[in-house]
Amino acid sequence: MENKEKCASGQQRLAALRPSMPDTSVLYDLSDFFKVMGDGTRIQLLWALEQGELCVGDLAALLNMTTSAVSHQLRALRTAKLIRSRKEGKNVYYSLNDAHVKDILEKALEHLCER
């Protein structure tokens, strides 16, 4: 049975909030975004790429991982549009997609350091 009881905030407050509430599909996309960023290896890759453009071999050496494992994680980050790639000869270089990604990482780290 559904709980129909309402808090003291009342109908007026709810009516004022409803128009600014994002569509459910947008909120699910936001949830997926944080799931991608919620992986420790991907966060390490994002942090490294925040410092500058790197190729798969460099990232693998930095994180002590195989190039295959790094490539797998980079694919997920690229699909989520968090990073971009640039081909130069036989090498592919990766970087953060834009300043928003850097801002998100910096704000999250700032939040954690406030504790």
PDB file of N, CA and C in Angstrom:
ATOM      1  N   MET A   1       0.839  -1.173   0.000  1.00  0.00           N
ATOM      2  CA  MET A   1       0.000   0.000   0.000  1.00  0.00           C
ATOM      3  C   MET A   1       0.889   1.244   0.000  1.00  0.00           C
ATOM      4  N   GLU A   2       0.585   2.208  -0.833  1.00  0.00           N
ATOM      5  CA  GLU A   2       1.363   3.430  -0.966  1.00  0.00           C
ATOM      6  C   GLU A   2       1.152   4.360   0.209  1.00  0.00           C
ATOM      7  N   ASN A   3       2.215   5.030   0.639  1.00  0.00           N
ATOM      8  CA  ASN A   3       2.127   5.972   1.746  1.00  0.00           C
ATOM      9  C   ASN A   3       1.734   7.341   1.204  1.00  0.00           C
ATOM     10  N   LYS A   4       0.537   7.786   1.517  1.00  0.00           N
ATOM     11  CA  LYS A   4       0.008   9.064   1.011  1.00  0.00           C
ATOM     12  C   LYS A   4       0.266  10.221   1.980  1.00  0.00           C
ATOM     13  N   GLU A   5       0.860   9.920   3.124  1.00  0.00           N
ATOM     14  CA  GLU A   5       1.107  10.956   4.123  1.00  0.00           C
ATOM     15  C   GLU A   5       2.157  11.939   3.610  1.00  0.00           C
ATOM     16  N   LYS A   6       1.916  13.217   3.840  1.00  0.00           N
ATOM     17  CA  LYS A   6       2.840  14.241   3.377  1.00  0.00           C
ATOM     18  C   LYS A   6       3.463  14.946   4.573  1.00  0.00           C
ATOM     19  N   CYS A   7       4.668  15.448   4.376  1.00  0.00           N
ATOM     20  CA  CYS A   7       5.362  16.206   5.419  1.00  0.00           C
ATOM     21  C   CYS A   7       4.771  17.607   5.514  1.00  0.00           C
ATOM     22  N   ALA A   8       5.281  18.365   6.448  1.00  0.00           N
ATOM     23  CA  ALA A   8       4.776  19.712   6.687  1.00  0.00           C
ATOM     24  C   ALA A   8       5.113  20.697   5.569  1.00  0.00           C
ATOM     25  N   SER A   9       5.977  20.321   4.634  1.00  0.00           N
ATOM     26  CA  SER A   9       6.374  21.251   3.571  1.00  0.00           C
ATOM     27  C   SER A   9       5.195  21.649   2.691  1.00  0.00           C
ATOM     28  N   GLY A  10       4.232  20.769   2.542  1.00  0.00           N
ATOM     29  CA  GLY A  10       2.994  21.110   1.879  1.00  0.00           C
ATOM     30  C   GLY A  10       3.028  21.111   0.367  1.00  0.00           C
ATOM     31  N   GLN A  11       1.846  21.234  -0.183  1.00  0.00           N
ATOM     32  CA  GLN A  11       1.637  21.176  -1.622  1.00  0.00           C
ATOM     33  C   GLN A  11       2.283  22.344  -2.364  1.00  0.00           C
ATOM     34  N   GLN A  12       2.292  23.530  -1.763  1.00  0.00           N
ATOM     35  CA  GLN A  12       2.853  24.702  -2.448  1.00  0.00           C
ATOM     36  C   GLN A  12       4.339  24.518  -2.727  1.00  0.00           C
ATOM     37  N   ARG A  13       5.043  24.017  -1.756  1.00  0.00           N
ATOM     38  CA  ARG A  13       6.482  23.804  -1.950  1.00  0.00           C
ATOM     39  C   ARG A  13       6.740  22.756  -3.028  1.00  0.00           C
ATOM     40  N   LEU A  14       5.983  21.689  -3.012  1.00  0.00           N
ATOM     41  CA  LEU A  14       6.128  20.646  -4.028  1.00  0.00           C
ATOM     42  C   LEU A  14       5.790  21.185  -5.413  1.00  0.00           C
ATOM     43  N   ALA A  15       4.751  21.983  -5.504  1.00  0.00           N
ATOM     44  CA  ALA A  15       4.364  22.575  -6.786  1.00  0.00           C
ATOM     45  C   ALA A  15       5.460  23.493  -7.307  1.00  0.00           C
ATOM     46  N   ALA A  16       6.164  24.170  -6.422  1.00  0.00           N
ATOM     47  CA  ALA A  16       7.253  25.053  -6.827  1.00  0.00           C
ATOM     48  C   ALA A  16       8.478  24.254  -7.277  1.00  0.00           C
ATOM     49  N   LEU A  17       8.686  23.081  -6.705  1.00  0.00           N
ATOM     50  CA  LEU A  17       9.846  22.250  -7.049  1.00  0.00           C
ATOM     51  C   LEU A  17       9.668  21.464  -8.344  1.00  0.00           C
ATOM     52  N   ARG A  18       8.456  21.020  -8.616  1.00  0.00           N
ATOM     53  CA  ARG A  18       8.216  20.142  -9.766  1.00  0.00           C
ATOM     54  C   ARG A  18       8.721  20.696 -11.102  1.00  0.00           C
ATOM     55  N   PRO A  19       8.491  21.959 -11.439  1.00  0.00           N
ATOM     56  CA  PRO A  19       8.945  22.453 -12.748  1.00  0.00           C
ATOM     57  C   PRO A  19      10.465  22.411 -12.946  1.00  0.00           C
ATOM     58  N   SER A  20      11.220  22.505 -11.862  1.00  0.00           N
ATOM     59  CA  SER A  20      12.675  22.503 -12.004  1.00  0.00           C
ATOM     60  C   SER A  20      13.280  21.096 -11.926  1.00  0.00           C
ATOM     61  N   MET A  21      12.460  20.118 -11.620  1.00  0.00           N
ATOM     62  CA  MET A  21      12.946  18.743 -11.521  1.00  0.00           C
ATOM     63  C   MET A  21      13.278  18.214 -12.916  1.00  0.00           C
ATOM     64  N   PRO A  22      14.524  17.745 -13.132  1.00  0.00           N
ATOM     65  CA  PRO A  22      14.877  17.194 -14.451  1.00  0.00           C
ATOM     66  C   PRO A  22      14.052  15.950 -14.776  1.00  0.00           C
ATOM     67  N   ASP A  23      13.918  15.673 -16.059  1.00  0.00           N
ATOM     68  CA  ASP A  23      13.236  14.454 -16.498  1.00  0.00           C
ATOM     69  C   ASP A  23      13.938  13.233 -15.909  1.00  0.00           C
ATOM     70  N   THR A  24      13.186  12.207 -15.674  1.00  0.00           N
ATOM     71  CA  THR A  24      13.737  10.975 -15.124  1.00  0.00           C
ATOM     72  C   THR A  24      14.854  10.432 -16.000  1.00  0.00           C
ATOM     73  N   SER A  25      14.703  10.508 -17.315  1.00  0.00           N
ATOM     74  CA  SER A  25      15.737   9.992 -18.209  1.00  0.00           C
ATOM     75  C   SER A  25      17.053  10.749 -18.035  1.00  0.00           C
ATOM     76  N   VAL A  26      16.979  12.048 -17.781  1.00  0.00           N
ATOM     77  CA  VAL A  26      18.185  12.855 -17.547  1.00  0.00           C
ATOM     78  C   VAL A  26      18.850  12.424 -16.242  1.00  0.00           C
ATOM     79  N   LEU A  27      18.057  12.170 -15.228  1.00  0.00           N
ATOM     80  CA  LEU A  27      18.611  11.743 -13.948  1.00  0.00           C
ATOM     81  C   LEU A  27      19.244  10.355 -14.044  1.00  0.00           C
ATOM     82  N   TYR A  28      18.663   9.468 -14.855  1.00  0.00           N
ATOM     83  CA  TYR A  28      19.290   8.160 -15.077  1.00  0.00           C
ATOM     84  C   TYR A  28      20.606   8.314 -15.825  1.00  0.00           C
ATOM     85  N   ASP A  29      20.659   9.222 -16.796  1.00  0.00           N
ATOM     86  CA  ASP A  29      21.916   9.502 -17.502  1.00  0.00           C
ATOM     87  C   ASP A  29      22.967  10.034 -16.527  1.00  0.00           C
ATOM     88  N   LEU A  30      22.551  10.889 -15.613  1.00  0.00           N
ATOM     89  CA  LEU A  30      23.458  11.415 -14.599  1.00  0.00           C
ATOM     90  C   LEU A  30      23.977  10.284 -13.708  1.00  0.00           C
ATOM     91  N   SER A  31      23.106   9.380 -13.349  1.00  0.00           N
ATOM     92  CA  SER A  31      23.499   8.228 -12.554  1.00  0.00           C
ATOM     93  C   SER A  31      24.534   7.382 -13.302  1.00  0.00           C
ATOM     94  N   ASP A  32      24.297   7.143 -14.588  1.00  0.00           N
ATOM     95  CA  ASP A  32      25.249   6.383 -15.408  1.00  0.00           C
ATOM     96  C   ASP A  32      26.600   7.086 -15.484  1.00  0.00           C
ATOM     97  N   PHE A  33      26.566   8.417 -15.593  1.00  0.00           N
ATOM     98  CA  PHE A  33      27.790   9.214 -15.626  1.00  0.00           C
ATOM     99  C   PHE A  33      28.620   8.952 -14.374  1.00  0.00           C
ATOM    100  N   PHE A  34      27.977   8.988 -13.212  1.00  0.00           N
ATOM    101  CA  PHE A  34      28.703   8.763 -11.971  1.00  0.00           C
ATOM    102  C   PHE A  34      29.135   7.309 -11.811  1.00  0.00           C
ATOM    103  N   LYS A  35      28.412   6.370 -12.397  1.00  0.00           N
ATOM    104  CA  LYS A  35      28.852   4.975 -12.369  1.00  0.00           C
ATOM    105  C   LYS A  35      30.163   4.825 -13.123  1.00  0.00           C
ATOM    106  N   VAL A  36      30.275   5.487 -14.269  1.00  0.00           N
ATOM    107  CA  VAL A  36      31.518   5.427 -15.047  1.00  0.00           C
ATOM    108  C   VAL A  36      32.659   6.030 -14.232  1.00  0.00           C
ATOM    109  N   MET A  37      32.399   7.151 -13.595  1.00  0.00           N
ATOM    110  CA  MET A  37      33.437   7.811 -12.799  1.00  0.00           C
ATOM    111  C   MET A  37      33.674   7.102 -11.470  1.00  0.00           C
ATOM    112  N   GLY A  38      32.798   6.192 -11.092  1.00  0.00           N
ATOM    113  CA  GLY A  38      32.889   5.512  -9.806  1.00  0.00           C
ATOM    114  C   GLY A  38      33.877   4.364  -9.758  1.00  0.00           C
ATOM    115  N   ASP A  39      34.596   4.129 -10.818  1.00  0.00           N
ATOM    116  CA  ASP A  39      35.583   3.056 -10.863  1.00  0.00           C
ATOM    117  C   ASP A  39      36.960   3.624 -10.513  1.00  0.00           C
ATOM    118  N   GLY A  40      37.654   2.997  -9.585  1.00  0.00           N
ATOM    119  CA  GLY A  40      38.954   3.491  -9.134  1.00  0.00           C
ATOM    120  C   GLY A  40      39.994   3.608 -10.237  1.00  0.00           C
ATOM    121  N   THR A  41      40.037   2.635 -11.123  1.00  0.00           N
ATOM    122  CA  THR A  41      40.999   2.692 -12.223  1.00  0.00           C
ATOM    123  C   THR A  41      40.678   3.853 -13.154  1.00  0.00           C
ATOM    124  N   ARG A  42      39.418   4.046 -13.453  1.00  0.00           N
ATOM    125  CA  ARG A  42      39.034   5.151 -14.345  1.00  0.00           C
ATOM    126  C   ARG A  42      39.343   6.499 -13.713  1.00  0.00           C
ATOM    127  N   ILE A  43      39.163   6.619 -12.403  1.00  0.00           N
ATOM    128  CA  ILE A  43      39.506   7.870 -11.720  1.00  0.00           C
ATOM    129  C   ILE A  43      41.013   8.120 -11.823  1.00  0.00           C
ATOM    130  N   GLN A  44      41.812   7.076 -11.667  1.00  0.00           N
ATOM    131  CA  GLN A  44      43.265   7.238 -11.819  1.00  0.00           C
ATOM    132  C   GLN A  44      43.619   7.700 -13.226  1.00  0.00           C
ATOM    133  N   LEU A  45      42.952   7.123 -14.218  1.00  0.00           N
ATOM    134  CA  LEU A  45      43.197   7.533 -15.609  1.00  0.00           C
ATOM    135  C   LEU A  45      42.790   8.982 -15.828  1.00  0.00           C
ATOM    136  N   LEU A  46      41.635   9.362 -15.300  1.00  0.00           N
ATOM    137  CA  LEU A  46      41.183  10.749 -15.447  1.00  0.00           C
ATOM    138  C   LEU A  46      42.146  11.713 -14.761  1.00  0.00           C
ATOM    139  N   TRP A  47      42.615  11.346 -13.578  1.00  0.00           N
ATOM    140  CA  TRP A  47      43.558  12.198 -12.874  1.00  0.00           C
ATOM    141  C   TRP A  47      44.837  12.374 -13.697  1.00  0.00           C
ATOM    142  N   ALA A  48      45.349  11.265 -14.233  1.00  0.00           N
ATOM    143  CA  ALA A  48      46.568  11.332 -15.053  1.00  0.00           C
ATOM    144  C   ALA A  48      46.340  12.216 -16.282  1.00  0.00           C
ATOM    145  N   LEU A  49      45.186  12.066 -16.913  1.00  0.00           N
ATOM    146  CA  LEU A  49      44.896  12.852 -18.115  1.00  0.00           C
ATOM    147  C   LEU A  49      44.609  14.305 -17.782  1.00  0.00           C
ATOM    148  N   GLU A  50      44.252  14.573 -16.544  1.00  0.00           N
ATOM    149  CA  GLU A  50      44.075  15.960 -16.119  1.00  0.00           C
ATOM    150  C   GLU A  50      45.425  16.688 -16.153  1.00  0.00           C
ATOM    151  N   GLN A  51      46.499  15.929 -15.953  1.00  0.00           N
ATOM    152  CA  GLN A  51      47.837  16.507 -15.958  1.00  0.00           C
ATOM    153  C   GLN A  51      48.331  16.792 -17.377  1.00  0.00           C
ATOM    154  N   GLY A  52      47.742  16.097 -18.352  1.00  0.00           N
ATOM    155  CA  GLY A  52      48.135  16.311 -19.741  1.00  0.00           C
ATOM    156  C   GLY A  52      47.856  15.092 -20.605  1.00  0.00           C
ATOM    157  N   GLU A  53      48.061  15.268 -21.874  1.00  0.00           N
ATOM    158  CA  GLU A  53      47.804  14.236 -22.876  1.00  0.00           C
ATOM    159  C   GLU A  53      48.814  13.089 -22.736  1.00  0.00           C
ATOM    160  N   LEU A  54      48.306  11.845 -22.793  1.00  0.00           N
ATOM    161  CA  LEU A  54      49.156  10.661 -22.669  1.00  0.00           C
ATOM    162  C   LEU A  54      48.672   9.564 -23.613  1.00  0.00           C
ATOM    163  N   CYS A  55      49.595   8.685 -23.997  1.00  0.00           N
ATOM    164  CA  CYS A  55      49.224   7.534 -24.827  1.00  0.00           C
ATOM    165  C   CYS A  55      48.961   6.334 -23.929  1.00  0.00           C
ATOM    166  N   VAL A  56      48.403   5.285 -24.501  1.00  0.00           N
ATOM    167  CA  VAL A  56      48.034   4.079 -23.741  1.00  0.00           C
ATOM    168  C   VAL A  56      49.244   3.491 -23.036  1.00  0.00           C
ATOM    169  N   GLY A  57      50.380   3.413 -23.733  1.00  0.00           N
ATOM    170  CA  GLY A  57      51.592   2.842 -23.133  1.00  0.00           C
ATOM    171  C   GLY A  57      52.033   3.605 -21.899  1.00  0.00           C
ATOM    172  N   ASP A  58      51.989   4.935 -21.978  1.00  0.00           N
ATOM    173  CA  ASP A  58      52.362   5.755 -20.830  1.00  0.00           C
ATOM    174  C   ASP A  58      51.396   5.538 -19.665  1.00  0.00           C
ATOM    175  N   LEU A  59      50.105   5.492 -19.968  1.00  0.00           N
ATOM    176  CA  LEU A  59      49.098   5.273 -18.926  1.00  0.00           C
ATOM    177  C   LEU A  59      49.268   3.893 -18.289  1.00  0.00           C
ATOM    178  N   ALA A  60      49.541   2.886 -19.112  1.00  0.00           N
ATOM    179  CA  ALA A  60      49.740   1.531 -18.594  1.00  0.00           C
ATOM    180  C   ALA A  60      50.950   1.487 -17.664  1.00  0.00           C
ATOM    181  N   ALA A  61      52.038   2.142 -18.056  1.00  0.00           N
ATOM    182  CA  ALA A  61      53.243   2.170 -17.216  1.00  0.00           C
ATOM    183  C   ALA A  61      52.958   2.914 -15.904  1.00  0.00           C
ATOM    184  N   LEU A  62      52.276   4.025 -15.989  1.00  0.00           N
ATOM    185  CA  LEU A  62      51.968   4.835 -14.808  1.00  0.00           C
ATOM    186  C   LEU A  62      51.127   4.062 -13.796  1.00  0.00           C
ATOM    187  N   LEU A  63      50.132   3.337 -14.287  1.00  0.00           N
ATOM    188  CA  LEU A  63      49.218   2.613 -13.405  1.00  0.00           C
ATOM    189  C   LEU A  63      49.631   1.158 -13.176  1.00  0.00           C
ATOM    190  N   ASN A  64      50.760   0.750 -13.768  1.00  0.00           N
ATOM    191  CA  ASN A  64      51.249  -0.626 -13.642  1.00  0.00           C
ATOM    192  C   ASN A  64      50.182  -1.623 -14.093  1.00  0.00           C
ATOM    193  N   MET A  65      49.653  -1.376 -15.293  1.00  0.00           N
ATOM    194  CA  MET A  65      48.607  -2.215 -15.870  1.00  0.00           C
ATOM    195  C   MET A  65      49.023  -2.621 -17.282  1.00  0.00           C
ATOM    196  N   THR A  66      48.318  -3.580 -17.848  1.00  0.00           N
ATOM    197  CA  THR A  66      48.567  -3.943 -19.240  1.00  0.00           C
ATOM    198  C   THR A  66      47.910  -2.900 -20.151  1.00  0.00           C
ATOM    199  N   THR A  67      48.436  -2.773 -21.355  1.00  0.00           N
ATOM    200  CA  THR A  67      47.839  -1.837 -22.309  1.00  0.00           C
ATOM    201  C   THR A  67      46.418  -2.258 -22.653  1.00  0.00           C
ATOM    202  N   SER A  68      46.168  -3.560 -22.658  1.00  0.00           N
ATOM    203  CA  SER A  68      44.823  -4.063 -22.947  1.00  0.00           C
ATOM    204  C   SER A  68      43.827  -3.614 -21.880  1.00  0.00           C
ATOM    205  N   ALA A  69      44.229  -3.725 -20.626  1.00  0.00           N
ATOM    206  CA  ALA A  69      43.346  -3.313 -19.520  1.00  0.00           C
ATOM    207  C   ALA A  69      43.093  -1.810 -19.551  1.00  0.00           C
ATOM    208  N   VAL A  70      44.137  -1.041 -19.844  1.00  0.00           N
ATOM    209  CA  VAL A  70      43.990   0.412 -19.935  1.00  0.00           C
ATOM    210  C   VAL A  70      43.072   0.770 -21.100  1.00  0.00           C
ATOM    211  N   SER A  71      43.277   0.132 -22.235  1.00  0.00           N
ATOM    212  CA  SER A  71      42.437   0.400 -23.409  1.00  0.00           C
ATOM    213  C   SER A  71      40.971   0.130 -23.120  1.00  0.00           C
ATOM    214  N   HIS A  72      40.705  -0.929 -22.382  1.00  0.00           N
ATOM    215  CA  HIS A  72      39.327  -1.269 -22.012  1.00  0.00           C
ATOM    216  C   HIS A  72      38.696  -0.145 -21.195  1.00  0.00           C
ATOM    217  N   GLN A  73      39.436   0.379 -20.222  1.00  0.00           N
ATOM    218  CA  GLN A  73      38.913   1.459 -19.382  1.00  0.00           C
ATOM    219  C   GLN A  73      38.791   2.771 -20.160  1.00  0.00           C
ATOM    220  N   LEU A  74      39.738   3.028 -21.059  1.00  0.00           N
ATOM    221  CA  LEU A  74      39.676   4.235 -21.881  1.00  0.00           C
ATOM    222  C   LEU A  74      38.446   4.211 -22.788  1.00  0.00           C
ATOM    223  N   ARG A  75      38.099   3.038 -23.271  1.00  0.00           N
ATOM    224  CA  ARG A  75      36.911   2.902 -24.119  1.00  0.00           C
ATOM    225  C   ARG A  75      35.657   3.336 -23.362  1.00  0.00           C
ATOM    226  N   ALA A  76      35.555   2.910 -22.102  1.00  0.00           N
ATOM    227  CA  ALA A  76      34.398   3.297 -21.279  1.00  0.00           C
ATOM    228  C   ALA A  76      34.375   4.804 -21.053  1.00  0.00           C
ATOM    229  N   LEU A  77      35.537   5.390 -20.813  1.00  0.00           N
ATOM    230  CA  LEU A  77      35.618   6.840 -20.596  1.00  0.00           C
ATOM    231  C   LEU A  77      35.289   7.612 -21.872  1.00  0.00           C
ATOM    232  N   ARG A  78      35.715   7.080 -22.998  1.00  0.00           N
ATOM    233  CA  ARG A  78      35.428   7.740 -24.281  1.00  0.00           C
ATOM    234  C   ARG A  78      33.951   7.633 -24.628  1.00  0.00           C
ATOM    235  N   THR A  79      33.348   6.491 -24.359  1.00  0.00           N
ATOM    236  CA  THR A  79      31.919   6.299 -24.601  1.00  0.00           C
ATOM    237  C   THR A  79      31.099   7.278 -23.761  1.00  0.00           C
ATOM    238  N   ALA A  80      31.569   7.541 -22.543  1.00  0.00           N
ATOM    239  CA  ALA A  80      30.885   8.485 -21.647  1.00  0.00           C
ATOM    240  C   ALA A  80      31.232   9.939 -21.970  1.00  0.00           C
ATOM    241  N   LYS A  81      32.047  10.143 -22.994  1.00  0.00           N
ATOM    242  CA  LYS A  81      32.467  11.483 -23.441  1.00  0.00           C
ATOM    243  C   LYS A  81      33.243  12.248 -22.373  1.00  0.00           C
ATOM    244  N   LEU A  82      34.009  11.500 -21.569  1.00  0.00           N
ATOM    245  CA  LEU A  82      34.855  12.123 -20.561  1.00  0.00           C
ATOM    246  C   LEU A  82      36.257  12.397 -21.093  1.00  0.00           C
ATOM    247  N   ILE A  83      36.672  11.624 -22.097  1.00  0.00           N
ATOM    248  CA  ILE A  83      37.982  11.822 -22.719  1.00  0.00           C
ATOM    249  C   ILE A  83      37.830  11.841 -24.237  1.00  0.00           C
ATOM    250  N   ARG A  84      38.870  12.313 -24.887  1.00  0.00           N
ATOM    251  CA  ARG A  84      38.915  12.287 -26.355  1.00  0.00           C
ATOM    252  C   ARG A  84      40.267  11.733 -26.763  1.00  0.00           C
ATOM    253  N   SER A  85      40.353  11.323 -28.015  1.00  0.00           N
ATOM    254  CA  SER A  85      41.596  10.745 -28.521  1.00  0.00           C
ATOM    255  C   SER A  85      42.054  11.496 -29.768  1.00  0.00           C
ATOM    256  N   ARG A  86      43.365  11.414 -29.990  1.00  0.00           N
ATOM    257  CA  ARG A  86      43.987  12.035 -31.156  1.00  0.00           C
ATOM    258  C   ARG A  86      45.060  11.085 -31.654  1.00  0.00           C
ATOM    259  N   LYS A  87      45.000  10.773 -32.930  1.00  0.00           N
ATOM    260  CA  LYS A  87      45.970   9.844 -33.508  1.00  0.00           C
ATOM    261  C   LYS A  87      47.123  10.629 -34.116  1.00  0.00           C
ATOM    262  N   GLU A  88      48.337  10.177 -33.803  1.00  0.00           N
ATOM    263  CA  GLU A  88      49.549  10.764 -34.372  1.00  0.00           C
ATOM    264  C   GLU A  88      50.449   9.609 -34.789  1.00  0.00           C
ATOM    265  N   GLY A  89      50.516   9.359 -36.078  1.00  0.00           N
ATOM    266  CA  GLY A  89      51.256   8.199 -36.561  1.00  0.00           C
ATOM    267  C   GLY A  89      50.602   6.928 -36.063  1.00  0.00           C
ATOM    268  N   LYS A  90      51.405   6.081 -35.408  1.00  0.00           N
ATOM    269  CA  LYS A  90      50.870   4.830 -34.870  1.00  0.00           C
ATOM    270  C   LYS A  90      50.322   4.990 -33.451  1.00  0.00           C
ATOM    271  N   ASN A  91      50.573   6.129 -32.843  1.00  0.00           N
ATOM    272  CA  ASN A  91      50.156   6.343 -31.458  1.00  0.00           C
ATOM    273  C   ASN A  91      48.830   7.075 -31.371  1.00  0.00           C
ATOM    274  N   VAL A  92      48.067   6.723 -30.343  1.00  0.00           N
ATOM    275  CA  VAL A  92      46.825   7.425 -30.026  1.00  0.00           C
ATOM    276  C   VAL A  92      47.036   8.096 -28.679  1.00  0.00           C
ATOM    277  N   TYR A  93      46.770   9.396 -28.634  1.00  0.00           N
ATOM    278  CA  TYR A  93      46.932  10.172 -27.419  1.00  0.00           C
ATOM    279  C   TYR A  93      45.560  10.532 -26.857  1.00  0.00           C
ATOM    280  N   TYR A  94      45.460  10.450 -25.545  1.00  0.00           N
ATOM    281  CA  TYR A  94      44.194  10.714 -24.868  1.00  0.00           C
ATOM    282  C   TYR A  94      44.323  11.952 -23.990  1.00  0.00           C
ATOM    283  N   SER A  95      43.204  12.658 -23.858  1.00  0.00           N
ATOM    284  CA  SER A  95      43.135  13.831 -22.992  1.00  0.00           C
ATOM    285  C   SER A  95      41.710  13.964 -22.485  1.00  0.00           C
ATOM    286  N   LEU A  96      41.537  14.791 -21.454  1.00  0.00           N
ATOM    287  CA  LEU A  96      40.184  15.053 -20.967  1.00  0.00           C
ATOM    288  C   LEU A  96      39.386  15.712 -22.080  1.00  0.00           C
ATOM    289  N   ASN A  97      38.115  15.425 -22.141  1.00  0.00           N
ATOM    290  CA  ASN A  97      37.268  15.928 -23.217  1.00  0.00           C
ATOM    291  C   ASN A  97      37.115  17.441 -23.175  1.00  0.00           C
ATOM    292  N   ASP A  98      36.960  17.998 -21.970  1.00  0.00           N
ATOM    293  CA  ASP A  98      36.812  19.447 -21.858  1.00  0.00           C
ATOM    294  C   ASP A  98      37.038  19.892 -20.416  1.00  0.00           C
ATOM    295  N   ALA A  99      36.936  21.183 -20.191  1.00  0.00           N
ATOM    296  CA  ALA A  99      37.185  21.742 -18.858  1.00  0.00           C
ATOM    297  C   ALA A  99      36.157  21.277 -17.831  1.00  0.00           C
ATOM    298  N   HIS A 100      34.970  20.884 -18.277  1.00  0.00           N
ATOM    299  CA  HIS A 100      33.954  20.414 -17.326  1.00  0.00           C
ATOM    300  C   HIS A 100      34.436  19.180 -16.566  1.00  0.00           C
ATOM    301  N   VAL A 101      35.091  18.276 -17.262  1.00  0.00           N
ATOM    302  CA  VAL A 101      35.571  17.047 -16.622  1.00  0.00           C
ATOM    303  C   VAL A 101      36.609  17.407 -15.564  1.00  0.00           C
ATOM    304  N   LYS A 102      37.508  18.296 -15.908  1.00  0.00           N
ATOM    305  CA  LYS A 102      38.526  18.751 -14.945  1.00  0.00           C
ATOM    306  C   LYS A 102      37.867  19.414 -13.741  1.00  0.00           C
ATOM    307  N   ASP A 103      36.864  20.246 -13.987  1.00  0.00           N
ATOM    308  CA  ASP A 103      36.145  20.920 -12.898  1.00  0.00           C
ATOM    309  C   ASP A 103      35.486  19.915 -11.955  1.00  0.00           C
ATOM    310  N   ILE A 104      34.862  18.885 -12.520  1.00  0.00           N
ATOM    311  CA  ILE A 104      34.197  17.864 -11.708  1.00  0.00           C
ATOM    312  C   ILE A 104      35.211  17.156 -10.818  1.00  0.00           C
ATOM    313  N   LEU A 105      36.348  16.780 -11.401  1.00  0.00           N
ATOM    314  CA  LEU A 105      37.389  16.109 -10.617  1.00  0.00           C
ATOM    315  C   LEU A 105      37.919  17.014  -9.509  1.00  0.00           C
ATOM    316  N   GLU A 106      38.185  18.260  -9.846  1.00  0.00           N
ATOM    317  CA  GLU A 106      38.722  19.196  -8.857  1.00  0.00           C
ATOM    318  C   GLU A 106      37.718  19.469  -7.738  1.00  0.00           C
ATOM    319  N   LYS A 107      36.456  19.650  -8.086  1.00  0.00           N
ATOM    320  CA  LYS A 107      35.425  19.907  -7.075  1.00  0.00           C
ATOM    321  C   LYS A 107      35.245  18.696  -6.158  1.00  0.00           C
ATOM    322  N   ALA A 108      35.270  17.505  -6.722  1.00  0.00           N
ATOM    323  CA  ALA A 108      35.117  16.295  -5.909  1.00  0.00           C
ATOM    324  C   ALA A 108      36.296  16.148  -4.949  1.00  0.00           C
ATOM    325  N   LEU A 109      37.499  16.404  -5.428  1.00  0.00           N
ATOM    326  CA  LEU A 109      38.687  16.317  -4.577  1.00  0.00           C
ATOM    327  C   LEU A 109      38.641  17.391  -3.485  1.00  0.00           C
ATOM    328  N   GLU A 110      38.231  18.585  -3.859  1.00  0.00           N
ATOM    329  CA  GLU A 110      38.082  19.679  -2.895  1.00  0.00           C
ATOM    330  C   GLU A 110      37.082  19.295  -1.803  1.00  0.00           C
ATOM    331  N   HIS A 111      35.990  18.688  -2.204  1.00  0.00           N
ATOM    332  CA  HIS A 111      34.958  18.257  -1.251  1.00  0.00           C
ATOM    333  C   HIS A 111      35.536  17.228  -0.265  1.00  0.00           C
ATOM    334  N   LEU A 112      36.296  16.270  -0.788  1.00  0.00           N
ATOM    335  CA  LEU A 112      36.877  15.243   0.063  1.00  0.00           C
ATOM    336  C   LEU A 112      37.904  15.811   1.036  1.00  0.00           C
ATOM    337  N   CYS A 113      38.633  16.822   0.606  1.00  0.00           N
ATOM    338  CA  CYS A 113      39.677  17.409   1.446  1.00  0.00           C
ATOM    339  C   CYS A 113      39.109  18.306   2.546  1.00  0.00           C
ATOM    340  N   GLU A 114      37.845  18.675   2.455  1.00  0.00           N
ATOM    341  CA  GLU A 114      37.217  19.533   3.465  1.00  0.00           C
ATOM    342  C   GLU A 114      36.886  18.795   4.746  1.00  0.00           C
ATOM    343  N   ARG A 115      36.909  17.496   4.702  1.00  0.00           N
ATOM    344  CA  ARG A 115      36.497  16.690   5.871  1.00  0.00           C
ATOM    345  C   ARG A 115      37.337  16.947   7.070  1.00  0.00           C
TER     346      ARG A 115
END
